[in-house]
């Protein structure tokens, strides 16, 4: 785990090539900075009808680990912010939610 979900207004959804590049960069951030196993990284894009607020929203769910300190999470969010701006041209609100392993019940 981490799960990265990026909500993008449907009318501003970028082309597949830009999403592929963003996926690669998000994967590198997760496996590099967050030290996640590649098999545990999930990245999805959700087209939404935008109401108000930032033009995009990124939600990251991850397993708490001793090495995922606040400075590490800051570096991750900074890298994610830059990747989103570079690939889709939007400023995203980014929120990270960490969960203790004992609170995660998963399948598949």
PDB file of N, CA and C in Angstrom:
ATOM      1  N   UNK A   1       0.860  -1.152   0.000  1.00  0.00           N
ATOM      2  CA  UNK A   1       0.000   0.000   0.000  1.00  0.00           C
ATOM      3  C   UNK A   1       0.904   1.210   0.000  1.00  0.00           C
ATOM      4  N   UNK A   2       0.937   2.065  -0.891  1.00  0.00           N
ATOM      5  CA  UNK A   2       0.027   3.178  -0.963  1.00  0.00           C
ATOM      6  C   UNK A   2      -0.958   3.086  -2.122  1.00  0.00           C
ATOM      7  N   UNK A   3      -2.097   3.712  -1.848  1.00  0.00           N
ATOM      8  CA  UNK A   3      -3.127   3.891  -2.869  1.00  0.00           C
ATOM      9  C   UNK A   3      -3.182   5.382  -3.168  1.00  0.00           C
ATOM     10  N   UNK A   4      -2.970   5.721  -4.433  1.00  0.00           N
ATOM     11  CA  UNK A   4      -3.008   7.114  -4.860  1.00  0.00           C
ATOM     12  C   UNK A   4      -4.229   7.279  -5.754  1.00  0.00           C
ATOM     13  N   UNK A   5      -5.150   8.143  -5.335  1.00  0.00           N
ATOM     14  CA  UNK A   5      -6.337   8.436  -6.134  1.00  0.00           C
ATOM     15  C   UNK A   5      -6.313   9.921  -6.453  1.00  0.00           C
ATOM     16  N   UNK A   6      -6.382  10.226  -7.735  1.00  0.00           N
ATOM     17  CA  UNK A   6      -6.379  11.623  -8.162  1.00  0.00           C
ATOM     18  C   UNK A   6      -7.701  11.910  -8.855  1.00  0.00           C
ATOM     19  N   UNK A   7      -8.424  12.858  -8.304  1.00  0.00           N
ATOM     20  CA  UNK A   7      -9.717  13.274  -8.835  1.00  0.00           C
ATOM     21  C   UNK A   7      -9.488  14.475  -9.745  1.00  0.00           C
ATOM     22  N   UNK A   8      -9.936  14.372 -10.989  1.00  0.00           N
ATOM     23  CA  UNK A   8      -9.692  15.396 -11.999  1.00  0.00           C
ATOM     24  C   UNK A   8     -11.033  15.763 -12.629  1.00  0.00           C
ATOM     25  N   UNK A   9     -11.325  17.060 -12.810  1.00  0.00           N
ATOM     26  CA  UNK A   9     -12.567  17.420 -13.488  1.00  0.00           C
ATOM     27  C   UNK A   9     -12.651  16.734 -14.850  1.00  0.00           C
ATOM     28  N   UNK A  10     -13.795  16.152 -15.141  1.00  0.00           N
ATOM     29  CA  UNK A  10     -13.963  15.373 -16.377  1.00  0.00           C
ATOM     30  C   UNK A  10     -13.607  16.189 -17.614  1.00  0.00           C
ATOM     31  N   UNK A  11     -13.960  17.465 -17.601  1.00  0.00           N
ATOM     32  CA  UNK A  11     -13.702  18.296 -18.784  1.00  0.00           C
ATOM     33  C   UNK A  11     -12.243  18.739 -18.893  1.00  0.00           C
ATOM     34  N   UNK A  12     -11.424  18.395 -17.900  1.00  0.00           N
ATOM     35  CA  UNK A  12      -9.996  18.745 -17.929  1.00  0.00           C
ATOM     36  C   UNK A  12      -9.102  17.507 -17.859  1.00  0.00           C
ATOM     37  N   UNK A  13      -9.715  16.333 -18.068  1.00  0.00           N
ATOM     38  CA  UNK A  13      -8.942  15.087 -18.036  1.00  0.00           C
ATOM     39  C   UNK A  13      -7.901  15.125 -19.155  1.00  0.00           C
ATOM     40  N   UNK A  14      -6.636  14.930 -18.809  1.00  0.00           N
ATOM     41  CA  UNK A  14      -5.572  14.997 -19.817  1.00  0.00           C
ATOM     42  C   UNK A  14      -5.552  13.751 -20.708  1.00  0.00           C
ATOM     43  N   UNK A  15      -4.798  13.809 -21.803  1.00  0.00           N
ATOM     44  CA  UNK A  15      -4.682  12.646 -22.680  1.00  0.00           C
ATOM     45  C   UNK A  15      -3.996  11.468 -21.971  1.00  0.00           C
ATOM     46  N   UNK A  16      -4.206  10.286 -22.518  1.00  0.00           N
ATOM     47  CA  UNK A  16      -3.654   9.063 -21.943  1.00  0.00           C
ATOM     48  C   UNK A  16      -2.141   9.126 -21.750  1.00  0.00           C
ATOM     49  N   UNK A  17      -1.429   9.772 -22.677  1.00  0.00           N
ATOM     50  CA  UNK A  17       0.025   9.853 -22.578  1.00  0.00           C
ATOM     51  C   UNK A  17       0.444  10.620 -21.323  1.00  0.00           C
ATOM     52  N   UNK A  18      -0.257  11.707 -21.023  1.00  0.00           N
ATOM     53  CA  UNK A  18       0.065  12.494 -19.827  1.00  0.00           C
ATOM     54  C   UNK A  18      -0.227  11.684 -18.564  1.00  0.00           C
ATOM     55  N   UNK A  19      -1.322  10.930 -18.572  1.00  0.00           N
ATOM     56  CA  UNK A  19      -1.645  10.090 -17.414  1.00  0.00           C
ATOM     57  C   UNK A  19      -0.634   8.961 -17.257  1.00  0.00           C
ATOM     58  N   UNK A  20      -0.153   8.419 -18.365  1.00  0.00           N
ATOM     59  CA  UNK A  20       0.865   7.367 -18.295  1.00  0.00           C
ATOM     60  C   UNK A  20       2.154   7.915 -17.682  1.00  0.00           C
ATOM     61  N   UNK A  21       2.538   9.122 -18.084  1.00  0.00           N
ATOM     62  CA  UNK A  21       3.731   9.746 -17.511  1.00  0.00           C
ATOM     63  C   UNK A  21       3.535  10.021 -16.025  1.00  0.00           C
ATOM     64  N   UNK A  22       2.355  10.529 -15.651  1.00  0.00           N
ATOM     65  CA  UNK A  22       2.068  10.798 -14.248  1.00  0.00           C
ATOM     66  C   UNK A  22       2.071   9.505 -13.440  1.00  0.00           C
ATOM     67  N   UNK A  23       1.531   8.445 -14.009  1.00  0.00           N
ATOM     68  CA  UNK A  23       1.526   7.147 -13.330  1.00  0.00           C
ATOM     69  C   UNK A  23       2.955   6.691 -13.050  1.00  0.00           C
ATOM     70  N   UNK A  24       3.816   6.832 -14.022  1.00  0.00           N
ATOM     71  CA  UNK A  24       5.217   6.432 -13.852  1.00  0.00           C
ATOM     72  C   UNK A  24       5.886   7.253 -12.752  1.00  0.00           C
ATOM     73  N   UNK A  25       5.638   8.553 -12.754  1.00  0.00           N
ATOM     74  CA  UNK A  25       6.259   9.417 -11.751  1.00  0.00           C
ATOM     75  C   UNK A  25       5.693   9.139 -10.353  1.00  0.00           C
ATOM     76  N   UNK A  26       4.392   8.911 -10.262  1.00  0.00           N
ATOM     77  CA  UNK A  26       3.784   8.559  -8.965  1.00  0.00           C
ATOM     78  C   UNK A  26       4.353   7.239  -8.454  1.00  0.00           C
ATOM     79  N   UNK A  27       4.519   6.288  -9.350  1.00  0.00           N
ATOM     80  CA  UNK A  27       5.087   4.994  -8.972  1.00  0.00           C
ATOM     81  C   UNK A  27       6.494   5.172  -8.420  1.00  0.00           C
ATOM     82  N   UNK A  28       7.297   5.995  -9.094  1.00  0.00           N
ATOM     83  CA  UNK A  28       8.661   6.248  -8.625  1.00  0.00           C
ATOM     84  C   UNK A  28       8.662   6.914  -7.248  1.00  0.00           C
ATOM     85  N   UNK A  29       7.735   7.844  -7.015  1.00  0.00           N
ATOM     86  CA  UNK A  29       7.644   8.487  -5.705  1.00  0.00           C
ATOM     87  C   UNK A  29       7.280   7.467  -4.629  1.00  0.00           C
ATOM     88  N   UNK A  30       6.344   6.587  -4.943  1.00  0.00           N
ATOM     89  CA  UNK A  30       5.897   5.585  -3.968  1.00  0.00           C
ATOM     90  C   UNK A  30       6.977   4.554  -3.675  1.00  0.00           C
ATOM     91  N   UNK A  31       7.647   4.065  -4.707  1.00  0.00           N
ATOM     92  CA  UNK A  31       8.665   3.041  -4.491  1.00  0.00           C
ATOM     93  C   UNK A  31       9.982   3.649  -4.004  1.00  0.00           C
ATOM     94  N   UNK A  32      10.242   4.898  -4.355  1.00  0.00           N
ATOM     95  CA  UNK A  32      11.477   5.554  -3.936  1.00  0.00           C
ATOM     96  C   UNK A  32      11.346   6.189  -2.568  1.00  0.00           C
ATOM     97  N   UNK A  33      10.602   7.267  -2.493  1.00  0.00           N
ATOM     98  CA  UNK A  33      10.507   8.020  -1.237  1.00  0.00           C
ATOM     99  C   UNK A  33       9.763   7.233  -0.159  1.00  0.00           C
ATOM    100  N   UNK A  34       8.622   6.612  -0.519  1.00  0.00           N
ATOM    101  CA  UNK A  34       7.846   5.882   0.483  1.00  0.00           C
ATOM    102  C   UNK A  34       8.319   4.448   0.683  1.00  0.00           C
ATOM    103  N   UNK A  35       9.240   3.988  -0.176  1.00  0.00           N
ATOM    104  CA  UNK A  35       9.823   2.641  -0.081  1.00  0.00           C
ATOM    105  C   UNK A  35       8.755   1.538  -0.121  1.00  0.00           C
ATOM    106  N   UNK A  36       7.731   1.742  -0.929  1.00  0.00           N
ATOM    107  CA  UNK A  36       6.671   0.746  -1.079  1.00  0.00           C
ATOM    108  C   UNK A  36       7.088  -0.302  -2.102  1.00  0.00           C
ATOM    109  N   UNK A  37       6.633  -1.528  -1.902  1.00  0.00           N
ATOM    110  CA  UNK A  37       6.853  -2.582  -2.890  1.00  0.00           C
ATOM    111  C   UNK A  37       5.993  -2.275  -4.111  1.00  0.00           C
ATOM    112  N   UNK A  38       6.556  -2.458  -5.287  1.00  0.00           N
ATOM    113  CA  UNK A  38       5.848  -2.143  -6.528  1.00  0.00           C
ATOM    114  C   UNK A  38       4.469  -2.816  -6.587  1.00  0.00           C
ATOM    115  N   UNK A  39       4.384  -4.060  -6.140  1.00  0.00           N
ATOM    116  CA  UNK A  39       3.107  -4.788  -6.173  1.00  0.00           C
ATOM    117  C   UNK A  39       2.044  -4.156  -5.284  1.00  0.00           C
ATOM    118  N   UNK A  40       2.459  -3.302  -4.356  1.00  0.00           N
ATOM    119  CA  UNK A  40       1.512  -2.677  -3.429  1.00  0.00           C
ATOM    120  C   UNK A  40       1.109  -1.263  -3.826  1.00  0.00           C
ATOM    121  N   UNK A  41       1.619  -0.769  -4.934  1.00  0.00           N
ATOM    122  CA  UNK A  41       1.303   0.588  -5.386  1.00  0.00           C
ATOM    123  C   UNK A  41       0.102   0.527  -6.325  1.00  0.00           C
ATOM    124  N   UNK A  42      -0.915   1.323  -5.993  1.00  0.00           N
ATOM    125  CA  UNK A  42      -2.125   1.408  -6.824  1.00  0.00           C
ATOM    126  C   UNK A  42      -2.392   2.876  -7.116  1.00  0.00           C
ATOM    127  N   UNK A  43      -2.574   3.200  -8.385  1.00  0.00           N
ATOM    128  CA  UNK A  43      -2.800   4.574  -8.807  1.00  0.00           C
ATOM    129  C   UNK A  43      -4.033   4.590  -9.700  1.00  0.00           C
ATOM    130  N   UNK A  44      -5.000   5.430  -9.344  1.00  0.00           N
ATOM    131  CA  UNK A  44      -6.218   5.540 -10.151  1.00  0.00           C
ATOM    132  C   UNK A  44      -6.550   7.009 -10.379  1.00  0.00           C
ATOM    133  N   UNK A  45      -7.231   7.260 -11.488  1.00  0.00           N
ATOM    134  CA  UNK A  45      -7.699   8.592 -11.834  1.00  0.00           C
ATOM    135  C   UNK A  45      -9.213   8.532 -11.919  1.00  0.00           C
ATOM    136  N   UNK A  46      -9.860   9.487 -11.282  1.00  0.00           N
ATOM    137  CA  UNK A  46     -11.313   9.512 -11.261  1.00  0.00           C
ATOM    138  C   UNK A  46     -11.771  10.827 -11.886  1.00  0.00           C
ATOM    139  N   UNK A  47     -12.574  10.722 -12.930  1.00  0.00           N
ATOM    140  CA  UNK A  47     -13.160  11.907 -13.552  1.00  0.00           C
ATOM    141  C   UNK A  47     -14.351  12.351 -12.703  1.00  0.00           C
ATOM    142  N   UNK A  48     -14.371  13.628 -12.349  1.00  0.00           N
ATOM    143  CA  UNK A  48     -15.419  14.141 -11.469  1.00  0.00           C
ATOM    144  C   UNK A  48     -16.073  15.382 -12.063  1.00  0.00           C
ATOM    145  N   UNK A  49     -17.267  15.677 -11.556  1.00  0.00           N
ATOM    146  CA  UNK A  49     -17.914  16.951 -11.845  1.00  0.00           C
ATOM    147  C   UNK A  49     -17.482  17.898 -10.736  1.00  0.00           C
ATOM    148  N   UNK A  50     -16.706  18.877 -11.105  1.00  0.00           N
ATOM    149  CA  UNK A  50     -16.103  19.781 -10.130  1.00  0.00           C
ATOM    150  C   UNK A  50     -17.126  20.779  -9.618  1.00  0.00           C
ATOM    151  N   UNK A  51     -17.182  20.922  -8.309  1.00  0.00           N
ATOM    152  CA  UNK A  51     -18.081  21.889  -7.699  1.00  0.00           C
ATOM    153  C   UNK A  51     -17.347  23.157  -7.314  1.00  0.00           C
ATOM    154  N   UNK A  52     -16.458  23.055  -6.346  1.00  0.00           N
ATOM    155  CA  UNK A  52     -15.650  24.191  -5.932  1.00  0.00           C
ATOM    156  C   UNK A  52     -14.371  23.673  -5.288  1.00  0.00           C
ATOM    157  N   UNK A  53     -13.453  24.575  -5.058  1.00  0.00           N
ATOM    158  CA  UNK A  53     -12.187  24.203  -4.447  1.00  0.00           C
ATOM    159  C   UNK A  53     -11.089  24.060  -5.478  1.00  0.00           C
ATOM    160  N   UNK A  54     -10.012  23.407  -5.080  1.00  0.00           N
ATOM    161  CA  UNK A  54      -8.894  23.193  -5.998  1.00  0.00           C
ATOM    162  C   UNK A  54      -9.375  22.438  -7.235  1.00  0.00           C
ATOM    163  N   UNK A  55      -8.738  22.686  -8.367  1.00  0.00           N
ATOM    164  CA  UNK A  55      -9.189  22.021  -9.595  1.00  0.00           C
ATOM    165  C   UNK A  55      -8.907  20.518  -9.633  1.00  0.00           C
ATOM    166  N   UNK A  56      -8.099  20.023  -8.730  1.00  0.00           N
ATOM    167  CA  UNK A  56      -7.846  18.583  -8.649  1.00  0.00           C
ATOM    168  C   UNK A  56      -7.635  18.233  -7.175  1.00  0.00           C
ATOM    169  N   UNK A  57      -7.824  16.958  -6.852  1.00  0.00           N
ATOM    170  CA  UNK A  57      -7.686  16.504  -5.481  1.00  0.00           C
ATOM    171  C   UNK A  57      -6.963  15.168  -5.502  1.00  0.00           C
ATOM    172  N   UNK A  58      -5.915  15.049  -4.716  1.00  0.00           N
ATOM    173  CA  UNK A  58      -5.167  13.796  -4.623  1.00  0.00           C
ATOM    174  C   UNK A  58      -5.284  13.254  -3.203  1.00  0.00           C
ATOM    175  N   UNK A  59      -5.677  11.998  -3.104  1.00  0.00           N
ATOM    176  CA  UNK A  59      -5.817  11.335  -1.805  1.00  0.00           C
ATOM    177  C   UNK A  59      -4.892  10.128  -1.791  1.00  0.00           C
ATOM    178  N   UNK A  60      -4.046  10.064  -0.779  1.00  0.00           N
ATOM    179  CA  UNK A  60      -3.093   8.970  -0.663  1.00  0.00           C
ATOM    180  C   UNK A  60      -3.370   8.245   0.646  1.00  0.00           C
ATOM    181  N   UNK A  61      -3.572   6.945   0.549  1.00  0.00           N
ATOM    182  CA  UNK A  61      -3.720   6.092   1.724  1.00  0.00           C
ATOM    183  C   UNK A  61      -2.481   5.212   1.777  1.00  0.00           C
ATOM    184  N   UNK A  62      -1.883   5.126   2.958  1.00  0.00           N
ATOM    185  CA  UNK A  62      -0.645   4.362   3.068  1.00  0.00           C
ATOM    186  C   UNK A  62      -0.538   3.725   4.448  1.00  0.00           C
ATOM    187  N   UNK A  63       0.274   2.701   4.516  1.00  0.00           N
ATOM    188  CA  UNK A  63       0.544   2.016   5.782  1.00  0.00           C
ATOM    189  C   UNK A  63       1.583   2.811   6.561  1.00  0.00           C
ATOM    190  N   UNK A  64       1.306   3.056   7.832  1.00  0.00           N
ATOM    191  CA  UNK A  64       2.278   3.731   8.680  1.00  0.00           C
ATOM    192  C   UNK A  64       3.502   2.843   8.860  1.00  0.00           C
ATOM    193  N   UNK A  65       4.655   3.436   8.720  1.00  0.00           N
ATOM    194  CA  UNK A  65       5.934   2.764   8.929  1.00  0.00           C
ATOM    195  C   UNK A  65       6.850   3.746   9.647  1.00  0.00           C
ATOM    196  N   UNK A  66       7.773   3.256  10.469  1.00  0.00           N
ATOM    197  CA  UNK A  66       8.668   4.168  11.194  1.00  0.00           C
ATOM    198  C   UNK A  66       9.474   5.084  10.276  1.00  0.00           C
ATOM    199  N   UNK A  67       9.792   4.632   9.075  1.00  0.00           N
ATOM    200  CA  UNK A  67      10.599   5.438   8.161  1.00  0.00           C
ATOM    201  C   UNK A  67       9.775   6.454   7.372  1.00  0.00           C
ATOM    202  N   UNK A  68       8.458   6.422   7.486  1.00  0.00           N
ATOM    203  CA  UNK A  68       7.603   7.405   6.805  1.00  0.00           C
ATOM    204  C   UNK A  68       7.311   8.553   7.776  1.00  0.00           C
ATOM    205  N   UNK A  69       8.347   9.315   8.022  1.00  0.00           N
ATOM    206  CA  UNK A  69       8.296  10.428   8.970  1.00  0.00           C
ATOM    207  C   UNK A  69       7.653  11.655   8.313  1.00  0.00           C
ATOM    208  N   UNK A  70       7.304  12.668   9.092  1.00  0.00           N
ATOM    209  CA  UNK A  70       6.766  13.892   8.484  1.00  0.00           C
ATOM    210  C   UNK A  70       7.672  14.495   7.404  1.00  0.00           C
ATOM    211  N   UNK A  71       9.001  14.557   7.591  1.00  0.00           N
ATOM    212  CA  UNK A  71       9.829  15.092   6.505  1.00  0.00           C
ATOM    213  C   UNK A  71       9.761  14.226   5.234  1.00  0.00           C
ATOM    214  N   UNK A  72       9.686  12.912   5.400  1.00  0.00           N
ATOM    215  CA  UNK A  72       9.570  12.023   4.237  1.00  0.00           C
ATOM    216  C   UNK A  72       8.241  12.282   3.525  1.00  0.00           C
ATOM    217  N   UNK A  73       7.171  12.410   4.279  1.00  0.00           N
ATOM    218  CA  UNK A  73       5.859  12.656   3.676  1.00  0.00           C
ATOM    219  C   UNK A  73       5.829  14.024   2.998  1.00  0.00           C
ATOM    220  N   UNK A  74       6.515  15.008   3.575  1.00  0.00           N
ATOM    221  CA  UNK A  74       6.610  16.320   2.934  1.00  0.00           C
ATOM    222  C   UNK A  74       7.310  16.223   1.585  1.00  0.00           C
ATOM    223  N   UNK A  75       8.422  15.463   1.535  1.00  0.00           N
ATOM    224  CA  UNK A  75       9.137  15.275   0.259  1.00  0.00           C
ATOM    225  C   UNK A  75       8.252  14.572  -0.754  1.00  0.00           C
ATOM    226  N   UNK A  76       7.509  13.559  -0.296  1.00  0.00           N
ATOM    227  CA  UNK A  76       6.600  12.842  -1.187  1.00  0.00           C
ATOM    228  C   UNK A  76       5.537  13.791  -1.746  1.00  0.00           C
ATOM    229  N   UNK A  77       4.917  14.582  -0.876  1.00  0.00           N
ATOM    230  CA  UNK A  77       3.862  15.489  -1.334  1.00  0.00           C
ATOM    231  C   UNK A  77       4.404  16.564  -2.262  1.00  0.00           C
ATOM    232  N   UNK A  78       5.604  17.051  -1.991  1.00  0.00           N
ATOM    233  CA  UNK A  78       6.221  18.036  -2.874  1.00  0.00           C
ATOM    234  C   UNK A  78       6.453  17.434  -4.260  1.00  0.00           C
ATOM    235  N   UNK A  79       6.968  16.209  -4.295  1.00  0.00           N
ATOM    236  CA  UNK A  79       7.188  15.538  -5.577  1.00  0.00           C
ATOM    237  C   UNK A  79       5.883  15.261  -6.302  1.00  0.00           C
ATOM    238  N   UNK A  80       4.861  14.857  -5.573  1.00  0.00           N
ATOM    239  CA  UNK A  80       3.557  14.589  -6.192  1.00  0.00           C
ATOM    240  C   UNK A  80       2.953  15.874  -6.736  1.00  0.00           C
ATOM    241  N   UNK A  81       3.044  16.951  -5.981  1.00  0.00           N
ATOM    242  CA  UNK A  81       2.527  18.243  -6.425  1.00  0.00           C
ATOM    243  C   UNK A  81       3.189  18.660  -7.738  1.00  0.00           C
ATOM    244  N   UNK A  82       4.510  18.549  -7.798  1.00  0.00           N
ATOM    245  CA  UNK A  82       5.240  18.908  -9.022  1.00  0.00           C
ATOM    246  C   UNK A  82       4.847  18.013 -10.193  1.00  0.00           C
ATOM    247  N   UNK A  83       4.699  16.714  -9.943  1.00  0.00           N
ATOM    248  CA  UNK A  83       4.336  15.778 -11.014  1.00  0.00           C
ATOM    249  C   UNK A  83       2.940  16.077 -11.561  1.00  0.00           C
ATOM    250  N   UNK A  84       2.010  16.394 -10.679  1.00  0.00           N
ATOM    251  CA  UNK A  84       0.649  16.708 -11.129  1.00  0.00           C
ATOM    252  C   UNK A  84       0.649  17.995 -11.952  1.00  0.00           C
ATOM    253  N   UNK A  85       1.324  19.021 -11.466  1.00  0.00           N
ATOM    254  CA  UNK A  85       1.393  20.284 -12.214  1.00  0.00           C
ATOM    255  C   UNK A  85       2.030  20.079 -13.586  1.00  0.00           C
ATOM    256  N   UNK A  86       3.129  19.320 -13.613  1.00  0.00           N
ATOM    257  CA  UNK A  86       3.878  19.105 -14.854  1.00  0.00           C
ATOM    258  C   UNK A  86       3.073  18.307 -15.879  1.00  0.00           C
ATOM    259  N   UNK A  87       2.336  17.308 -15.430  1.00  0.00           N
ATOM    260  CA  UNK A  87       1.678  16.394 -16.366  1.00  0.00           C
ATOM    261  C   UNK A  87       0.243  16.743 -16.707  1.00  0.00           C
ATOM    262  N   UNK A  88      -0.465  17.371 -15.778  1.00  0.00           N
ATOM    263  CA  UNK A  88      -1.856  17.696 -16.105  1.00  0.00           C
ATOM    264  C   UNK A  88      -2.160  19.180 -15.985  1.00  0.00           C
ATOM    265  N   UNK A  89      -1.174  19.965 -15.553  1.00  0.00           N
ATOM    266  CA  UNK A  89      -1.338  21.409 -15.539  1.00  0.00           C
ATOM    267  C   UNK A  89      -2.313  21.931 -14.498  1.00  0.00           C
ATOM    268  N   UNK A  90      -2.557  21.161 -13.437  1.00  0.00           N
ATOM    269  CA  UNK A  90      -3.486  21.581 -12.397  1.00  0.00           C
ATOM    270  C   UNK A  90      -2.791  21.580 -11.043  1.00  0.00           C
ATOM    271  N   UNK A  91      -3.255  22.451 -10.163  1.00  0.00           N
ATOM    272  CA  UNK A  91      -2.794  22.443  -8.787  1.00  0.00           C
ATOM    273  C   UNK A  91      -3.766  21.588  -7.989  1.00  0.00           C
ATOM    274  N   UNK A  92      -3.257  20.566  -7.352  1.00  0.00           N
ATOM    275  CA  UNK A  92      -4.110  19.635  -6.614  1.00  0.00           C
ATOM    276  C   UNK A  92      -4.016  19.880  -5.118  1.00  0.00           C
ATOM    277  N   UNK A  93      -5.115  19.707  -4.469  1.00  0.00           N
ATOM    278  CA  UNK A  93      -5.100  19.616  -3.011  1.00  0.00           C
ATOM    279  C   UNK A  93      -4.664  18.192  -2.705  1.00  0.00           C
ATOM    280  N   UNK A  94      -3.680  18.022  -1.854  1.00  0.00           N
ATOM    281  CA  UNK A  94      -3.119  16.703  -1.561  1.00  0.00           C
ATOM    282  C   UNK A  94      -3.356  16.383  -0.095  1.00  0.00           C
ATOM    283  N   UNK A  95      -3.922  15.209   0.149  1.00  0.00           N
ATOM    284  CA  UNK A  95      -4.168  14.753   1.513  1.00  0.00           C
ATOM    285  C   UNK A  95      -3.664  13.327   1.643  1.00  0.00           C
ATOM    286  N   UNK A  96      -2.859  13.075   2.677  1.00  0.00           N
ATOM    287  CA  UNK A  96      -2.304  11.745   2.937  1.00  0.00           C
ATOM    288  C   UNK A  96      -2.895  11.202   4.229  1.00  0.00           C
ATOM    289  N   UNK A  97      -3.294   9.951   4.194  1.00  0.00           N
ATOM    290  CA  UNK A  97      -3.898   9.297   5.349  1.00  0.00           C
ATOM    291  C   UNK A  97      -3.131   8.018   5.642  1.00  0.00           C
ATOM    292  N   UNK A  98      -2.462   7.973   6.799  1.00  0.00           N
ATOM    293  CA  UNK A  98      -1.699   6.800   7.192  1.00  0.00           C
ATOM    294  C   UNK A  98      -2.494   5.912   8.130  1.00  0.00           C
ATOM    295  N   UNK A  99      -2.336   4.606   7.952  1.00  0.00           N
ATOM    296  CA  UNK A  99      -3.059   3.623   8.757  1.00  0.00           C
ATOM    297  C   UNK A  99      -2.078   2.616   9.335  1.00  0.00           C
ATOM    298  N   UNK A 100      -2.271   2.272  10.601  1.00  0.00           N
ATOM    299  CA  UNK A 100      -1.464   1.226  11.223  1.00  0.00           C
ATOM    300  C   UNK A 100      -1.818  -0.114  10.584  1.00  0.00           C
ATOM    301  N   UNK A 101      -0.840  -0.992  10.454  1.00  0.00           N
ATOM    302  CA  UNK A 101      -1.071  -2.303   9.834  1.00  0.00           C
ATOM    303  C   UNK A 101      -2.207  -3.054  10.526  1.00  0.00           C
ATOM    304  N   UNK A 102      -2.321  -2.903  11.834  1.00  0.00           N
ATOM    305  CA  UNK A 102      -3.377  -3.617  12.569  1.00  0.00           C
ATOM    306  C   UNK A 102      -4.776  -3.106  12.232  1.00  0.00           C
ATOM    307  N   UNK A 103      -4.870  -1.936  11.603  1.00  0.00           N
ATOM    308  CA  UNK A 103      -6.166  -1.365  11.217  1.00  0.00           C
ATOM    309  C   UNK A 103      -6.525  -1.616   9.761  1.00  0.00           C
ATOM    310  N   UNK A 104      -5.665  -2.336   9.058  1.00  0.00           N
ATOM    311  CA  UNK A 104      -5.916  -2.590   7.636  1.00  0.00           C
ATOM    312  C   UNK A 104      -6.343  -4.037   7.467  1.00  0.00           C
ATOM    313  N   UNK A 105      -7.488  -4.215   6.910  1.00  0.00           N
ATOM    314  CA  UNK A 105      -7.988  -5.550   6.575  1.00  0.00           C
ATOM    315  C   UNK A 105      -8.160  -5.553   5.067  1.00  0.00           C
ATOM    316  N   UNK A 106      -7.464  -6.435   4.388  1.00  0.00           N
ATOM    317  CA  UNK A 106      -7.417  -6.375   2.933  1.00  0.00           C
ATOM    318  C   UNK A 106      -7.558  -7.746   2.323  1.00  0.00           C
ATOM    319  N   UNK A 107      -7.882  -7.732   1.068  1.00  0.00           N
ATOM    320  CA  UNK A 107      -8.022  -8.942   0.287  1.00  0.00           C
ATOM    321  C   UNK A 107      -7.507  -8.681  -1.123  1.00  0.00           C
ATOM    322  N   UNK A 108      -6.836  -9.623  -1.696  1.00  0.00           N
ATOM    323  CA  UNK A 108      -6.297  -9.545  -3.055  1.00  0.00           C
ATOM    324  C   UNK A 108      -5.200  -8.568  -3.165  1.00  0.00           C
TER     325      UNK A 108
END
